[in-house]
Protein backbone atom coordinates (compact mmCIF):
# COMPACT_ATOMS: atom_id res chain seq x y z
CA MET A 1 -153.42 -180.00 -13.54
CA ILE A 2 -150.41 -177.77 -14.13
CA SER A 3 -147.15 -179.70 -15.20
CA ASN A 4 -144.64 -179.94 -12.21
CA LYS A 5 -141.69 -178.17 -13.54
CA ASN A 6 -140.04 -177.23 -9.89
CA PHE A 7 -142.85 -175.46 -8.66
CA PRO A 8 -142.11 -174.93 -4.81
CA LYS A 9 -143.98 -177.05 -2.34
CA ILE A 10 -146.77 -174.70 -0.95
CA THR A 11 -148.54 -175.75 2.20
CA ILE A 12 -152.04 -173.80 2.89
CA ILE A 13 -153.06 -174.18 6.51
CA THR A 14 -156.69 -173.79 7.63
CA PRO A 15 -157.52 -173.42 11.33
CA VAL A 16 -161.20 -174.02 11.77
CA LYS A 17 -163.66 -174.17 14.27
CA ASN A 18 -167.64 -174.88 13.46
CA ALA A 19 -167.60 -173.77 10.09
CA VAL A 20 -169.53 -176.20 8.57
CA THR A 21 -171.79 -173.81 6.56
CA THR A 22 -168.29 -172.33 4.60
CA LEU A 23 -165.44 -174.98 5.05
CA GLU A 24 -166.54 -176.73 2.17
CA LYS A 25 -166.34 -173.47 -0.35
CA ALA A 26 -162.66 -172.55 1.12
CA ILE A 27 -161.76 -176.34 0.48
CA GLU A 28 -163.17 -176.08 -3.45
CA SER A 29 -161.46 -172.95 -4.23
CA LEU A 30 -158.15 -174.52 -3.02
CA ILE A 31 -158.34 -178.05 -5.02
CA ARG A 32 -159.69 -175.79 -8.09
CA GLN A 33 -155.98 -174.20 -7.90
CA ASN A 34 -155.05 -177.53 -9.68
CA TYR A 35 -151.52 -176.66 -7.90
CA PRO A 36 -148.94 -179.62 -8.90
CA ASN A 37 -146.82 -179.36 -5.50
CA LEU A 38 -149.45 -178.91 -2.86
CA GLU A 39 -149.87 -179.78 1.01
CA TYR A 40 -153.01 -179.14 2.62
CA ILE A 41 -152.83 -178.89 6.61
CA ILE A 42 -156.52 -178.36 8.44
CA ILE A 43 -155.95 -177.99 12.35
CA ASP A 44 -159.64 -178.25 13.71
CA GLY A 45 -160.66 -176.82 16.83
CA ALA A 46 -162.82 -179.75 18.47
CA SER A 47 -165.60 -178.60 16.14
CA THR A 48 -169.17 -180.09 17.11
CA ASP A 49 -171.27 -178.53 14.24
CA GLY A 50 -170.80 -180.89 11.61
CA THR A 51 -167.69 -179.78 10.47
CA LEU A 52 -165.53 -182.80 10.92
CA ASP A 53 -167.81 -184.42 8.18
CA ILE A 54 -167.03 -181.73 5.74
CA ILE A 55 -163.10 -182.36 6.39
CA LYS A 56 -163.75 -186.28 5.79
CA LYS A 57 -165.56 -185.85 2.75
CA TYR A 58 -162.31 -184.01 1.51
CA GLU A 59 -159.73 -186.35 3.32
CA ASN A 60 -158.50 -187.22 -0.50
CA ASN A 61 -157.40 -183.83 -0.68
CA ILE A 62 -155.88 -183.11 2.85
CA SER A 63 -152.84 -184.02 3.66
CA TYR A 64 -153.01 -183.75 7.13
CA TRP A 65 -155.96 -182.83 9.39
CA GLN A 66 -155.99 -183.12 13.47
CA SER A 67 -159.16 -182.21 15.71
CA SER A 68 -158.30 -181.11 19.49
CA ASP A 69 -159.30 -177.99 21.56
CA ASP A 70 -156.32 -176.21 20.51
CA GLY A 71 -157.70 -173.16 22.81
CA SER A 72 -157.53 -170.47 19.94
CA ASN A 73 -157.15 -169.59 16.20
CA ILE A 74 -153.43 -168.77 16.48
CA ILE A 75 -152.28 -171.77 18.24
CA ALA A 76 -154.12 -173.53 15.52
CA HIS A 77 -152.08 -171.58 13.19
CA ASN A 78 -148.74 -172.52 14.97
CA GLU A 79 -149.72 -176.12 15.15
CA GLY A 80 -149.87 -175.86 11.28
CA ILE A 81 -146.55 -174.30 10.75
CA LYS A 82 -145.17 -176.76 12.72
CA LYS A 83 -146.52 -179.66 10.50
CA ALA A 84 -145.94 -178.01 7.36
CA SER A 85 -143.29 -179.81 4.95
CA GLY A 86 -143.57 -177.13 2.24
CA GLU A 87 -141.23 -174.17 1.47
CA ILE A 88 -143.77 -171.76 1.36
CA ILE A 89 -146.87 -171.20 3.73
CA ALA A 90 -150.12 -169.48 3.36
CA PHE A 91 -153.47 -169.62 5.63
CA LEU A 92 -156.74 -170.25 4.14
CA ASN A 93 -159.48 -168.80 6.62
CA ALA A 94 -162.30 -171.65 6.70
CA ASP A 95 -165.14 -168.88 5.51
CA ASP A 96 -162.54 -167.45 2.96
CA PHE A 97 -161.78 -168.10 -0.63
CA TYR A 98 -158.91 -168.47 -2.64
CA GLU A 99 -159.50 -166.75 -6.74
CA ALA A 100 -158.66 -168.97 -9.62
CA GLU A 101 -154.78 -169.58 -10.62
CA THR A 102 -153.43 -167.65 -7.40
CA LEU A 103 -151.17 -170.42 -6.21
CA LYS A 104 -149.82 -170.99 -10.07
CA LYS A 105 -148.69 -167.38 -10.53
CA VAL A 106 -147.54 -167.06 -6.64
CA GLY A 107 -145.57 -170.27 -7.36
CA GLU A 108 -144.23 -168.82 -10.53
CA ALA A 109 -143.12 -166.11 -8.63
CA PHE A 110 -141.11 -167.88 -6.15
CA LYS A 111 -139.83 -170.18 -9.06
CA GLU A 112 -138.69 -167.10 -11.24
CA ASN A 113 -137.12 -165.34 -8.06
CA PRO A 114 -135.92 -167.84 -5.10
CA GLU A 115 -134.64 -164.99 -3.13
CA LEU A 116 -138.03 -163.50 -2.20
CA ASP A 117 -139.28 -164.14 1.13
CA ILE A 118 -142.80 -163.14 0.43
CA VAL A 119 -145.33 -163.09 -2.42
CA SER A 120 -148.32 -161.00 -1.64
CA THR A 121 -151.60 -160.61 -3.80
CA ARG A 122 -154.21 -158.30 -4.14
CA PHE A 123 -157.57 -159.07 -2.29
CA ARG A 124 -161.18 -158.55 -1.82
CA ALA A 125 -163.95 -158.30 0.80
CA VAL A 126 -167.03 -159.60 0.31
CA LYS A 127 -170.14 -159.50 2.22
CA ASN A 128 -173.45 -161.19 1.49
CA GLY A 129 -171.95 -162.60 -1.63
CA LYS A 130 -171.33 -158.73 -3.31
CA ILE A 131 -167.72 -157.37 -3.39
CA VAL A 132 -167.81 -154.22 -0.85
CA ALA A 133 -163.87 -153.63 -1.23
CA GLU A 134 -161.22 -154.60 -3.29
CA THR A 135 -157.36 -153.49 -2.74
CA ASN A 136 -154.96 -152.54 -5.19
CA ALA A 137 -151.34 -153.82 -5.69
CA GLU A 138 -149.84 -150.78 -4.01
CA ASP A 139 -151.77 -151.74 -1.13
CA ALA A 140 -150.24 -155.11 -0.95
CA THR A 141 -146.60 -153.54 -0.47
CA MET A 142 -144.84 -153.73 3.29
CA LYS A 143 -144.28 -149.98 3.28
CA SER A 144 -145.25 -148.65 6.80
CA ASP A 145 -147.86 -146.36 5.67
CA GLN A 146 -149.98 -149.26 3.70
CA LEU A 147 -148.79 -152.48 6.13
CA LEU A 148 -149.75 -150.90 9.11
CA LYS A 149 -153.45 -149.95 7.38
CA ILE A 150 -153.90 -153.10 5.44
CA PRO A 151 -152.27 -156.19 6.51
CA GLY A 152 -153.98 -158.77 4.33
CA MET A 153 -151.61 -161.58 5.93
CA ASN A 154 -154.01 -163.91 4.18
CA ALA A 155 -153.11 -162.72 0.91
CA ARG A 156 -149.58 -163.46 1.45
CA PHE A 157 -147.28 -166.30 0.94
CA PHE A 158 -144.29 -166.95 3.44
CA LYS A 159 -141.00 -168.82 3.07
CA LYS A 160 -141.57 -171.00 5.82
CA ASP A 161 -138.02 -170.17 7.07
CA LEU A 162 -139.21 -166.59 8.23
CA PHE A 163 -140.95 -168.40 10.94
CA TYR A 164 -137.89 -170.15 11.98
CA LYS A 165 -135.54 -166.88 11.54
CA TYR A 166 -137.67 -164.38 13.12
CA GLY A 167 -140.43 -166.24 15.40
CA PHE A 168 -143.62 -167.84 15.15
CA PRO A 169 -147.02 -165.52 15.82
CA LEU A 170 -147.46 -164.62 19.28
CA THR A 171 -150.32 -166.23 21.04
CA GLU A 172 -151.16 -163.81 23.79
CA ASP A 173 -150.48 -159.98 24.48
CA ASN A 174 -149.40 -158.55 27.56
CA LEU A 175 -152.55 -159.43 29.91
CA GLY A 176 -152.23 -163.24 28.80
CA ARG A 177 -155.28 -162.60 26.30
CA VAL A 178 -155.25 -164.23 23.20
CA PHE A 179 -153.28 -161.83 20.56
CA ILE A 180 -155.81 -161.18 17.90
CA SER A 181 -153.82 -158.89 15.62
CA ASN A 182 -150.99 -161.49 15.94
CA ASP A 183 -150.52 -161.31 12.13
CA LEU A 184 -149.91 -157.60 11.78
CA GLU A 185 -147.12 -157.96 14.66
CA TYR A 186 -145.13 -160.42 12.60
CA LEU A 187 -145.74 -158.75 9.23
CA ILE A 188 -144.00 -155.43 11.46
CA ARG A 189 -141.41 -157.87 12.60
CA PHE A 190 -140.67 -159.49 8.94
CA THR A 191 -140.69 -156.15 7.49
CA LEU A 192 -138.21 -154.56 10.21
CA LYS A 193 -135.86 -157.26 9.68
CA GLY A 194 -135.71 -156.23 5.71
CA VAL A 195 -137.66 -159.49 4.09
CA LYS A 196 -138.19 -159.33 0.13
CA ASN A 197 -141.73 -159.18 -1.02
CA GLN A 198 -143.04 -159.18 -4.43
CA VAL A 199 -146.73 -158.09 -5.36
CA LEU A 200 -148.52 -159.60 -7.79
CA ASN A 201 -151.13 -157.55 -9.67
CA HIS A 202 -153.48 -160.21 -9.15
CA VAL A 203 -156.78 -160.35 -6.87
CA GLY A 204 -155.78 -163.85 -5.09
CA TYR A 205 -157.98 -164.03 -2.02
CA ASN A 206 -161.43 -163.26 -0.89
CA TYR A 207 -162.22 -162.18 2.97
CA VAL A 208 -166.01 -162.76 3.64
CA MET A 209 -167.06 -160.31 6.10
CA HIS A 210 -169.76 -161.48 9.03
CA ASP A 211 -170.92 -160.05 12.07
CA ASP A 212 -168.79 -162.87 14.35
CA SER A 213 -165.48 -161.32 12.78
CA LEU A 214 -163.26 -159.46 15.27
CA THR A 215 -161.66 -158.00 12.16
CA PHE A 216 -164.50 -156.32 10.62
CA SER A 217 -166.76 -156.06 13.83
CA LYS A 218 -168.65 -153.10 14.62
CA LYS A 219 -169.36 -153.87 18.17
CA SER A 220 -167.83 -151.28 20.59
CA ASP A 221 -166.21 -154.28 22.81
CA SER A 222 -164.32 -155.91 19.59
CA LYS A 223 -163.03 -152.47 18.31
CA ILE A 224 -161.82 -152.00 21.76
CA ARG A 225 -159.87 -155.30 21.74
CA LEU A 226 -158.17 -153.87 18.44
CA TYR A 227 -157.34 -150.64 19.69
CA GLU A 228 -155.78 -152.28 22.52
CA ASP A 229 -153.49 -154.85 20.45
CA ARG A 230 -152.48 -151.66 18.64
CA ILE A 231 -151.09 -149.90 21.83
CA PHE A 232 -149.53 -153.51 22.82
CA ILE A 233 -147.90 -153.80 19.32
CA ALA A 234 -146.43 -150.03 19.38
CA LYS A 235 -145.04 -150.48 22.89
CA LYS A 236 -143.80 -153.92 22.00
CA PHE A 237 -141.59 -152.36 19.14
CA LEU A 238 -140.65 -149.10 20.65
CA ASN A 239 -139.40 -150.74 24.02
CA SER A 240 -137.48 -153.42 21.91
CA ASN A 241 -133.73 -153.21 21.48
CA GLU A 242 -133.74 -155.78 18.97
CA PHE A 243 -134.85 -153.35 16.37
CA ASN A 244 -133.32 -150.24 15.11
CA LEU A 245 -136.56 -148.34 14.03
CA PRO A 246 -136.59 -146.07 10.93
CA LYS A 247 -138.27 -142.31 11.87
CA ILE A 248 -141.44 -142.88 10.45
CA TRP A 249 -142.13 -146.01 12.27
CA ARG A 250 -141.37 -144.61 15.60
CA LYS A 251 -143.29 -141.93 14.68
CA THR A 252 -146.25 -143.81 13.74
CA PHE A 253 -146.45 -146.22 17.10
CA LYS A 254 -146.21 -143.01 19.54
CA LYS A 255 -149.04 -141.76 17.61
CA TRP A 256 -150.89 -144.98 18.05
CA ILE A 257 -150.53 -144.94 21.37
CA LYS A 258 -152.25 -141.60 21.74
CA LYS A 259 -154.87 -142.42 19.07
CA TYR A 260 -155.74 -145.88 20.21
CA ARG A 261 -155.99 -145.02 23.80
CA ALA A 262 -158.32 -142.39 22.99
CA LYS A 263 -160.47 -144.41 21.13
CA ILE A 264 -160.77 -146.67 23.56
CA VAL A 265 -161.86 -144.01 26.27
CA VAL A 266 -164.64 -142.85 23.41
CA GLY A 267 -165.58 -146.13 23.40
CA TYR A 268 -166.11 -146.66 27.08
CA PHE A 269 -167.92 -143.86 27.17
CA LYS A 270 -170.35 -145.00 24.37
CA GLU A 271 -170.57 -148.14 26.38
CA LYS A 272 -171.18 -146.21 29.69
CA LYS A 273 -168.33 -148.19 31.18
CA PHE A 274 -166.91 -145.38 33.51
CA SER A 275 -164.43 -147.39 35.86
CA GLU A 276 -162.77 -148.51 32.63
CA LEU A 277 -163.25 -144.84 31.12
CA ARG A 278 -161.40 -143.41 34.25
CA LYS A 279 -158.46 -146.18 34.27
CA ASN A 280 -158.16 -145.52 30.68
CA LEU A 281 -157.83 -141.75 30.94
CA ILE A 282 -155.41 -141.59 33.33
CA LEU A 283 -153.38 -144.08 31.31
CA GLY A 284 -153.39 -141.81 28.43
CA ILE A 285 -152.45 -138.70 30.35
CA LYS A 286 -149.48 -140.57 31.53
CA GLU A 287 -148.57 -141.64 28.45
CA SER A 288 -149.16 -138.43 26.28
CA GLY A 289 -149.63 -135.73 28.31
CA PHE A 290 -152.69 -134.10 29.52
CA LEU A 291 -153.45 -131.53 26.32
CA LYS A 292 -152.19 -133.80 23.86
CA PHE A 293 -154.53 -136.58 25.02
CA ILE A 294 -157.24 -134.57 25.45
CA PHE A 295 -156.84 -133.22 21.90
CA TYR A 296 -157.05 -137.04 20.66
CA ILE A 297 -160.02 -137.84 22.19
CA LEU A 298 -161.82 -134.77 21.10
CA LYS A 299 -160.60 -135.78 17.74
CA SER A 300 -162.04 -139.09 18.13
CA LEU A 301 -165.58 -137.84 19.18
CA LEU A 302 -165.53 -135.38 16.23
CA ARG A 303 -165.27 -137.87 13.50
CA ASN A 304 -168.41 -138.69 12.38
CA GLN A 305 -167.60 -142.23 10.77
CA GLU A 306 -164.80 -144.76 12.08
CA LYS A 307 -163.71 -147.18 9.39
CA THR A 308 -163.09 -150.65 10.83
CA ILE A 309 -159.46 -151.36 11.39
CA GLY A 310 -157.77 -154.08 10.04
CA PHE A 311 -158.70 -153.93 6.30
């Protein structure tokens, strides 16, 4: 056990639903941190597969847990933030895991520089037990070109006060649907507020890729939802009077509207959903003009291979 020499209290929040095969590994990775000032909160969404048995097995290592049909993962995130008593907050997905000494390194960084708002680590993507991608330290910065490509929310540790100063994660998009890309939205929000982020050259977090993940999914309908999120985010910040957007952000968001609307059109074309295709084609022309939008559609069609957005 690391000696408690004024290490800040860190609250780790795990939202979970029906993750009986993976939750134990996530919990064990946290226990092995041996961090002296730790609070662990699990918010379960009324699991029915044995997940609750895993939670009860580790009750002595869990500061607080609850189980109810909360409706979505992000509602569980927000509930965890409200319950947290730590100065620092981070989110551990039920199918992911931490690398050794991550919390120690993060705690030391906050202890040495109390003015920090966020401490970020590098992270990996793991599939079938094999590392398929690994970020570098530059990827964990909160510069617009890096943040918009690789949010890496779970590999970041936040001062809890940020959520109370600048707002909790949004739970719904403009259509009243669960807002999948809420993490990217609030990372942008925090960045535009000028938060102080320190990057540790340490791989701290492992994202486990699987077919059911919306972030890593190659299914067309899942991609379309993520593309729609990007457009929602772009319009939200472009139309907001709260932020004086730097030129590079404004340019990027305008490009997003054209780029992702075109990807949506191409996605519906592949799915042969022609009524949705027509609706988005009209929207794209209204948003960007005929020639520009057709150019982006052609550009999207000509790409031989798309990278999954969100990583």
